[in-house]
């Protein structure tokens, strides 16, 4: 885990479900730290520091691009 760095923190698993699929499709090396503990004790998320997305240092830039693409809502429109 020494070659992995935390680049995002989430409170609940539902916040990163789509992101997880996109990271898998891109074949990036990542792990969600504290994921199991929060799934068992969801109201303890803040107490343990949330669910941390840790990405391999060689994949950080690609992961950040994916995260930023999810935050960009410009392609959404009200019908």
N, C-alpha and C. Protein backbone atom coordinates (compact mmCIF):
# COMPACT_ATOMS: atom_id res chain seq x y z
N UNK A 1 0.82 -1.20 0.00
CA UNK A 1 0.00 0.00 0.00
C UNK A 1 0.86 1.26 0.00
N UNK A 2 2.18 1.12 0.10
CA UNK A 2 3.02 2.31 0.14
C UNK A 2 3.04 3.05 -1.18
N UNK A 3 2.69 2.38 -2.28
CA UNK A 3 2.67 3.03 -3.59
C UNK A 3 1.29 3.58 -3.95
N UNK A 4 0.38 3.60 -2.99
CA UNK A 4 -0.97 4.10 -3.21
C UNK A 4 -1.15 5.40 -2.43
N UNK A 5 -1.92 6.32 -3.01
CA UNK A 5 -2.16 7.62 -2.38
C UNK A 5 -3.66 7.90 -2.36
N UNK A 6 -4.15 8.48 -1.28
CA UNK A 6 -5.55 8.85 -1.16
C UNK A 6 -5.82 10.09 -2.01
N UNK A 7 -6.81 9.97 -2.92
CA UNK A 7 -7.14 11.12 -3.76
C UNK A 7 -8.58 11.58 -3.58
N UNK A 8 -9.39 10.81 -2.85
CA UNK A 8 -10.78 11.22 -2.60
C UNK A 8 -11.30 10.50 -1.36
N UNK A 9 -12.25 11.13 -0.69
CA UNK A 9 -12.87 10.54 0.50
C UNK A 9 -14.39 10.62 0.33
N UNK A 10 -15.06 9.52 0.62
CA UNK A 10 -16.52 9.44 0.49
C UNK A 10 -17.12 9.03 1.82
N UNK A 11 -18.37 9.40 2.03
CA UNK A 11 -19.07 9.06 3.27
C UNK A 11 -19.80 7.74 3.14
N UNK A 12 -20.44 7.50 2.01
CA UNK A 12 -21.23 6.29 1.81
C UNK A 12 -20.84 5.61 0.50
N UNK A 13 -21.05 4.30 0.41
CA UNK A 13 -20.71 3.54 -0.79
C UNK A 13 -21.48 4.01 -2.02
N UNK A 14 -22.68 4.46 -1.83
CA UNK A 14 -23.51 4.88 -2.97
C UNK A 14 -22.90 6.08 -3.70
N UNK A 15 -22.01 6.81 -3.05
CA UNK A 15 -21.42 8.00 -3.66
C UNK A 15 -20.38 7.68 -4.73
N UNK A 16 -19.86 6.47 -4.74
CA UNK A 16 -18.79 6.16 -5.68
C UNK A 16 -19.04 4.93 -6.55
N UNK A 17 -20.24 4.45 -6.61
CA UNK A 17 -20.54 3.24 -7.37
C UNK A 17 -20.19 3.39 -8.85
N UNK A 18 -20.61 4.49 -9.46
CA UNK A 18 -20.30 4.72 -10.88
C UNK A 18 -18.80 4.90 -11.07
N UNK A 19 -18.18 5.65 -10.17
CA UNK A 19 -16.74 5.87 -10.24
C UNK A 19 -15.99 4.54 -10.19
N UNK A 20 -16.41 3.64 -9.34
CA UNK A 20 -15.76 2.34 -9.23
C UNK A 20 -15.79 1.59 -10.55
N UNK A 21 -16.91 1.61 -11.23
CA UNK A 21 -17.02 0.94 -12.53
C UNK A 21 -16.11 1.60 -13.57
N UNK A 22 -16.03 2.90 -13.55
CA UNK A 22 -15.17 3.61 -14.50
C UNK A 22 -13.69 3.33 -14.24
N UNK A 23 -13.31 3.24 -12.99
CA UNK A 23 -11.92 2.91 -12.65
C UNK A 23 -11.58 1.49 -13.11
N UNK A 24 -12.52 0.57 -12.95
CA UNK A 24 -12.31 -0.80 -13.40
C UNK A 24 -12.17 -0.86 -14.92
N UNK A 25 -13.03 -0.13 -15.63
CA UNK A 25 -12.96 -0.11 -17.10
C UNK A 25 -11.64 0.44 -17.60
N UNK A 26 -11.07 1.37 -16.86
CA UNK A 26 -9.80 1.98 -17.25
C UNK A 26 -8.60 1.15 -16.79
N UNK A 27 -8.86 0.03 -16.12
CA UNK A 27 -7.81 -0.85 -15.61
C UNK A 27 -6.83 -0.14 -14.68
N UNK A 28 -7.36 0.75 -13.84
CA UNK A 28 -6.51 1.46 -12.88
C UNK A 28 -6.39 0.64 -11.60
N UNK A 29 -5.28 0.79 -10.93
CA UNK A 29 -5.04 0.10 -9.67
C UNK A 29 -5.53 1.00 -8.54
N UNK A 30 -6.51 0.52 -7.78
CA UNK A 30 -7.12 1.32 -6.72
C UNK A 30 -7.67 0.41 -5.64
N UNK A 31 -7.97 1.01 -4.50
CA UNK A 31 -8.64 0.31 -3.42
C UNK A 31 -9.46 1.33 -2.64
N UNK A 32 -10.61 0.89 -2.15
CA UNK A 32 -11.42 1.73 -1.28
C UNK A 32 -11.16 1.28 0.15
N UNK A 33 -10.43 2.09 0.91
CA UNK A 33 -10.07 1.76 2.27
C UNK A 33 -11.24 2.09 3.20
N UNK A 34 -11.50 1.25 4.17
CA UNK A 34 -12.59 1.36 5.16
C UNK A 34 -13.95 0.99 4.56
N UNK A 35 -13.98 0.49 3.36
CA UNK A 35 -15.25 0.17 2.69
C UNK A 35 -16.06 -0.86 3.48
N UNK A 36 -15.43 -1.92 3.92
CA UNK A 36 -16.15 -2.99 4.63
C UNK A 36 -16.68 -2.48 5.97
N UNK A 37 -15.87 -1.73 6.70
CA UNK A 37 -16.29 -1.22 8.01
C UNK A 37 -17.51 -0.30 7.87
N UNK A 38 -17.49 0.57 6.86
CA UNK A 38 -18.61 1.50 6.67
C UNK A 38 -19.86 0.76 6.19
N UNK A 39 -19.68 -0.33 5.44
CA UNK A 39 -20.86 -1.09 5.00
C UNK A 39 -21.55 -1.75 6.19
N UNK A 40 -20.79 -2.11 7.22
CA UNK A 40 -21.36 -2.72 8.42
C UNK A 40 -21.88 -1.66 9.39
N UNK A 41 -21.13 -0.57 9.54
CA UNK A 41 -21.49 0.50 10.47
C UNK A 41 -21.54 1.83 9.72
N UNK A 42 -22.57 2.07 8.90
CA UNK A 42 -22.58 3.25 8.04
C UNK A 42 -22.58 4.59 8.77
N UNK A 43 -23.08 4.63 9.98
CA UNK A 43 -23.12 5.90 10.70
C UNK A 43 -21.81 6.23 11.40
N UNK A 44 -20.83 5.35 11.26
CA UNK A 44 -19.50 5.58 11.83
C UNK A 44 -18.53 6.10 10.79
N UNK A 45 -19.02 6.43 9.61
CA UNK A 45 -18.17 6.86 8.51
C UNK A 45 -17.28 8.04 8.89
N UNK A 46 -17.87 9.06 9.46
CA UNK A 46 -17.08 10.24 9.84
C UNK A 46 -16.08 9.92 10.95
N UNK A 47 -16.43 9.01 11.83
CA UNK A 47 -15.55 8.67 12.94
C UNK A 47 -14.27 7.98 12.47
N UNK A 48 -14.36 7.21 11.39
CA UNK A 48 -13.17 6.49 10.89
C UNK A 48 -12.51 7.22 9.73
N UNK A 49 -13.01 8.38 9.40
CA UNK A 49 -12.39 9.17 8.33
C UNK A 49 -12.94 8.90 6.94
N UNK A 50 -14.09 8.27 6.86
CA UNK A 50 -14.73 8.03 5.58
C UNK A 50 -14.11 6.89 4.80
N UNK A 51 -14.63 6.68 3.61
CA UNK A 51 -14.11 5.66 2.71
C UNK A 51 -13.11 6.35 1.80
N UNK A 52 -11.88 5.91 1.87
CA UNK A 52 -10.79 6.58 1.15
C UNK A 52 -10.48 5.85 -0.16
N UNK A 53 -10.50 6.61 -1.24
CA UNK A 53 -10.10 6.07 -2.53
C UNK A 53 -8.58 6.21 -2.63
N UNK A 54 -7.89 5.09 -2.63
CA UNK A 54 -6.44 5.08 -2.74
C UNK A 54 -6.08 4.52 -4.11
N UNK A 55 -5.28 5.29 -4.85
CA UNK A 55 -4.92 4.95 -6.22
C UNK A 55 -3.40 4.81 -6.31
N UNK A 56 -2.96 3.86 -7.14
CA UNK A 56 -1.52 3.69 -7.34
C UNK A 56 -0.94 4.98 -7.91
N UNK A 57 0.26 5.34 -7.48
CA UNK A 57 0.84 6.63 -7.86
C UNK A 57 0.99 6.79 -9.37
N UNK A 58 1.13 5.70 -10.11
CA UNK A 58 1.25 5.80 -11.57
C UNK A 58 -0.10 6.03 -12.25
N UNK A 59 -1.20 5.81 -11.53
CA UNK A 59 -2.54 5.94 -12.11
C UNK A 59 -3.31 7.15 -11.60
N UNK A 60 -2.67 7.99 -10.79
CA UNK A 60 -3.37 9.11 -10.15
C UNK A 60 -3.92 10.10 -11.17
N UNK A 61 -3.16 10.48 -12.15
CA UNK A 61 -3.62 11.47 -13.13
C UNK A 61 -4.84 10.97 -13.89
N UNK A 62 -4.81 9.72 -14.32
CA UNK A 62 -5.95 9.15 -15.04
C UNK A 62 -7.19 9.10 -14.14
N UNK A 63 -6.99 8.74 -12.89
CA UNK A 63 -8.11 8.67 -11.94
C UNK A 63 -8.71 10.05 -11.70
N UNK A 64 -7.87 11.07 -11.59
CA UNK A 64 -8.37 12.43 -11.39
C UNK A 64 -9.17 12.91 -12.59
N UNK A 65 -8.76 12.54 -13.78
CA UNK A 65 -9.51 12.91 -14.99
C UNK A 65 -10.89 12.28 -14.95
N UNK A 66 -10.97 11.03 -14.54
CA UNK A 66 -12.26 10.34 -14.44
C UNK A 66 -13.14 11.01 -13.40
N UNK A 67 -12.59 11.33 -12.25
CA UNK A 67 -13.35 11.99 -11.18
C UNK A 67 -13.86 13.35 -11.66
N UNK A 68 -13.00 14.11 -12.30
CA UNK A 68 -13.41 15.44 -12.79
C UNK A 68 -14.49 15.34 -13.86
N UNK A 69 -14.45 14.29 -14.67
CA UNK A 69 -15.48 14.13 -15.71
C UNK A 69 -16.84 13.86 -15.08
N UNK A 70 -16.86 13.22 -13.92
CA UNK A 70 -18.13 12.98 -13.22
C UNK A 70 -18.68 14.24 -12.59
N UNK A 71 -17.81 15.15 -12.21
CA UNK A 71 -18.24 16.40 -11.57
C UNK A 71 -18.71 17.43 -12.58
N UNK A 72 -18.40 17.24 -13.85
CA UNK A 72 -18.79 18.17 -14.90
C UNK A 72 -20.23 17.88 -15.32
N UNK A 73 -21.15 18.75 -14.96
CA UNK A 73 -22.57 18.55 -15.27
C UNK A 73 -23.00 19.29 -16.53
N UNK A 74 -22.07 19.80 -17.31
CA UNK A 74 -22.42 20.61 -18.46
C UNK A 74 -23.17 19.82 -19.54
N UNK A 75 -23.01 18.51 -19.55
CA UNK A 75 -23.69 17.70 -20.56
C UNK A 75 -25.13 17.35 -20.16
N UNK A 76 -25.54 17.71 -18.96
CA UNK A 76 -26.89 17.43 -18.49
C UNK A 76 -27.81 18.59 -18.85
N UNK A 77 -29.03 18.25 -19.20
CA UNK A 77 -30.00 19.29 -19.50
C UNK A 77 -31.38 18.87 -19.00
N UNK A 78 -32.18 19.86 -18.67
CA UNK A 78 -33.53 19.60 -18.21
C UNK A 78 -34.43 19.47 -19.44
N UNK A 79 -35.19 18.42 -19.47
CA UNK A 79 -36.07 18.19 -20.63
C UNK A 79 -37.48 18.59 -20.28
